[in-house]
N, C-alpha and C. Protein backbone atom coordinates (compact mmCIF):
# COMPACT_ATOMS: atom_id res chain seq x y z
N MET A 1 1.52 11.62 -17.10
CA MET A 1 2.18 12.55 -16.19
C MET A 1 1.25 12.84 -15.03
N PRO A 2 1.70 12.66 -13.78
CA PRO A 2 0.86 12.95 -12.63
C PRO A 2 0.46 14.41 -12.54
N LYS A 3 -0.68 14.66 -11.90
CA LYS A 3 -1.13 16.03 -11.68
C LYS A 3 -0.15 16.75 -10.77
N ARG A 4 0.07 18.00 -11.03
CA ARG A 4 0.94 18.81 -10.19
C ARG A 4 0.11 19.96 -9.65
N SER A 5 0.32 20.27 -8.41
CA SER A 5 -0.35 21.43 -7.83
C SER A 5 0.71 22.41 -7.38
N ARG A 6 0.26 23.57 -7.00
CA ARG A 6 1.21 24.57 -6.50
C ARG A 6 1.80 24.14 -5.17
N PHE A 7 1.08 23.29 -4.46
CA PHE A 7 1.53 22.86 -3.13
C PHE A 7 1.50 21.34 -3.05
N ASP A 8 2.51 20.79 -2.47
CA ASP A 8 2.49 19.36 -2.17
C ASP A 8 1.75 19.18 -0.87
N GLU A 9 1.08 18.07 -0.75
CA GLU A 9 0.34 17.78 0.47
C GLU A 9 1.08 16.68 1.23
N THR A 10 1.31 16.90 2.50
CA THR A 10 1.92 15.89 3.34
C THR A 10 0.82 15.25 4.17
N ILE A 11 0.75 13.93 4.13
CA ILE A 11 -0.26 13.20 4.87
C ILE A 11 0.46 12.25 5.82
N ALA A 12 0.21 12.39 7.10
CA ALA A 12 0.84 11.52 8.09
C ALA A 12 0.22 10.13 8.02
N ALA A 13 1.05 9.13 8.03
CA ALA A 13 0.59 7.74 7.99
C ALA A 13 0.46 7.21 9.41
N SER A 14 -0.43 6.23 9.57
CA SER A 14 -0.55 5.56 10.87
C SER A 14 -0.06 4.13 10.70
N SER A 15 0.59 3.63 11.73
CA SER A 15 1.14 2.28 11.70
C SER A 15 0.06 1.28 12.07
N SER A 16 -0.05 0.23 11.26
CA SER A 16 -0.97 -0.85 11.63
C SER A 16 -0.11 -1.96 12.21
N LYS A 17 0.05 -3.06 11.53
CA LYS A 17 0.89 -4.13 12.06
C LYS A 17 1.86 -4.61 11.00
N ASP A 18 2.86 -5.31 11.42
CA ASP A 18 3.84 -5.91 10.50
C ASP A 18 4.52 -4.89 9.60
N GLY A 19 4.77 -3.67 10.11
CA GLY A 19 5.48 -2.67 9.33
C GLY A 19 4.66 -2.03 8.22
N ILE A 20 3.35 -2.16 8.27
CA ILE A 20 2.46 -1.57 7.26
C ILE A 20 1.94 -0.23 7.77
N TYR A 21 2.04 0.79 6.94
CA TYR A 21 1.54 2.12 7.28
C TYR A 21 0.43 2.49 6.30
N ARG A 22 -0.58 3.19 6.77
CA ARG A 22 -1.73 3.55 5.94
C ARG A 22 -2.01 5.04 6.04
N ILE A 23 -2.54 5.59 4.93
CA ILE A 23 -3.02 6.97 4.94
C ILE A 23 -4.47 6.96 4.49
N LYS A 24 -5.17 8.05 4.79
CA LYS A 24 -6.55 8.22 4.35
C LYS A 24 -6.67 9.63 3.83
N THR A 25 -7.18 9.77 2.60
CA THR A 25 -7.36 11.10 2.01
C THR A 25 -8.49 11.06 0.99
N LEU A 26 -8.96 12.21 0.59
CA LEU A 26 -9.98 12.33 -0.45
C LEU A 26 -9.38 13.12 -1.60
N PHE A 27 -9.71 12.72 -2.82
CA PHE A 27 -9.26 13.43 -4.01
C PHE A 27 -10.40 14.24 -4.57
N SER A 28 -10.11 15.43 -5.07
CA SER A 28 -11.15 16.33 -5.58
C SER A 28 -11.54 16.03 -7.02
N GLU A 29 -10.70 15.30 -7.74
CA GLU A 29 -11.00 14.93 -9.12
C GLU A 29 -10.17 13.73 -9.53
N GLY A 30 -10.65 13.03 -10.57
CA GLY A 30 -9.92 11.88 -11.07
C GLY A 30 -8.68 12.30 -11.83
N GLY A 31 -7.78 11.36 -12.03
CA GLY A 31 -6.56 11.62 -12.78
C GLY A 31 -5.40 10.85 -12.19
N ALA A 32 -4.21 11.14 -12.67
CA ALA A 32 -3.00 10.49 -12.18
C ALA A 32 -2.33 11.41 -11.16
N TYR A 33 -1.98 10.86 -10.03
CA TYR A 33 -1.34 11.61 -8.96
C TYR A 33 0.00 10.97 -8.64
N GLY A 34 0.98 11.77 -8.32
CA GLY A 34 2.29 11.26 -7.93
C GLY A 34 2.35 11.09 -6.42
N VAL A 35 2.85 9.95 -5.97
CA VAL A 35 2.97 9.66 -4.54
C VAL A 35 4.43 9.35 -4.24
N THR A 36 4.99 10.07 -3.28
CA THR A 36 6.36 9.84 -2.83
C THR A 36 6.35 9.62 -1.32
N VAL A 37 7.01 8.58 -0.88
CA VAL A 37 7.05 8.24 0.54
C VAL A 37 8.36 8.76 1.14
N HIS A 38 8.23 9.47 2.26
CA HIS A 38 9.39 9.96 3.02
C HIS A 38 9.36 9.30 4.39
N VAL A 39 10.48 8.70 4.78
CA VAL A 39 10.58 8.05 6.09
C VAL A 39 11.72 8.71 6.85
N LEU A 40 11.45 9.09 8.10
CA LEU A 40 12.49 9.65 8.96
C LEU A 40 12.71 8.68 10.11
N ASP A 41 13.91 8.15 10.21
CA ASP A 41 14.24 7.19 11.26
C ASP A 41 15.61 7.51 11.82
N LYS A 42 15.67 7.78 13.09
CA LYS A 42 16.94 8.08 13.78
C LYS A 42 17.72 9.18 13.08
N GLY A 43 16.99 10.20 12.62
CA GLY A 43 17.63 11.36 12.01
C GLY A 43 18.00 11.19 10.54
N VAL A 44 17.70 10.04 9.96
CA VAL A 44 18.00 9.79 8.55
C VAL A 44 16.70 9.78 7.76
N THR A 45 16.66 10.54 6.65
CA THR A 45 15.48 10.58 5.80
C THR A 45 15.68 9.67 4.61
N ILE A 46 14.70 8.81 4.36
CA ILE A 46 14.71 7.92 3.21
C ILE A 46 13.53 8.31 2.34
N THR A 47 13.76 8.52 1.05
CA THR A 47 12.71 8.91 0.12
C THR A 47 12.59 7.87 -0.98
N SER A 48 11.37 7.41 -1.22
CA SER A 48 11.14 6.42 -2.28
C SER A 48 10.99 7.12 -3.62
N PRO A 49 11.20 6.40 -4.72
CA PRO A 49 10.90 6.98 -6.03
C PRO A 49 9.40 7.27 -6.13
N GLU A 50 9.03 8.24 -6.94
CA GLU A 50 7.62 8.60 -7.10
C GLU A 50 6.87 7.46 -7.78
N THR A 51 5.68 7.15 -7.25
CA THR A 51 4.79 6.14 -7.82
C THR A 51 3.54 6.85 -8.30
N GLU A 52 2.99 6.41 -9.42
CA GLU A 52 1.78 7.03 -9.95
C GLU A 52 0.55 6.29 -9.43
N LEU A 53 -0.40 7.06 -8.90
CA LEU A 53 -1.67 6.54 -8.41
C LEU A 53 -2.76 7.11 -9.31
N THR A 54 -3.57 6.24 -9.93
CA THR A 54 -4.61 6.71 -10.85
C THR A 54 -5.97 6.58 -10.20
N ILE A 55 -6.71 7.69 -10.20
CA ILE A 55 -8.08 7.75 -9.67
C ILE A 55 -9.01 7.90 -10.87
N ALA A 56 -9.98 7.00 -11.01
CA ALA A 56 -10.90 7.02 -12.16
C ALA A 56 -11.83 8.23 -12.09
N ASP A 57 -12.03 8.89 -13.25
CA ASP A 57 -12.97 10.02 -13.30
C ASP A 57 -14.38 9.57 -12.91
N SER A 58 -14.72 8.31 -13.20
CA SER A 58 -16.07 7.82 -12.89
C SER A 58 -16.36 7.80 -11.39
N GLU A 59 -15.33 7.84 -10.56
CA GLU A 59 -15.53 7.87 -9.11
C GLU A 59 -16.14 9.20 -8.66
N PHE A 60 -16.15 10.20 -9.53
CA PHE A 60 -16.63 11.54 -9.17
C PHE A 60 -17.94 11.89 -9.85
N SER A 61 -18.62 10.90 -10.40
CA SER A 61 -19.90 11.12 -11.08
C SER A 61 -20.95 11.55 -10.07
N THR A 62 -21.80 12.52 -10.45
CA THR A 62 -22.85 12.98 -9.55
C THR A 62 -24.16 12.25 -9.84
N GLN A 63 -24.20 11.39 -10.86
CA GLN A 63 -25.40 10.64 -11.19
C GLN A 63 -25.34 9.27 -10.55
N ALA A 64 -26.51 8.79 -10.10
CA ALA A 64 -26.58 7.45 -9.53
C ALA A 64 -26.39 6.42 -10.64
N PRO A 65 -25.74 5.28 -10.34
CA PRO A 65 -25.52 4.25 -11.37
C PRO A 65 -26.79 3.63 -11.84
């Protein structure tokens, strides 16, 4: 089950090429996070199903490898 917070965070994506959009963010802790994409085009909103993104706890280690 993805982590839930009291607030959802909206991150604006930037367009690269060939219809690819990218976001950049930092996570405060490892775990499973839910990601949902919302697209607004010509007044119509399209929402994708939620996808789970897993961040390893080891990425937050304070000790050098």
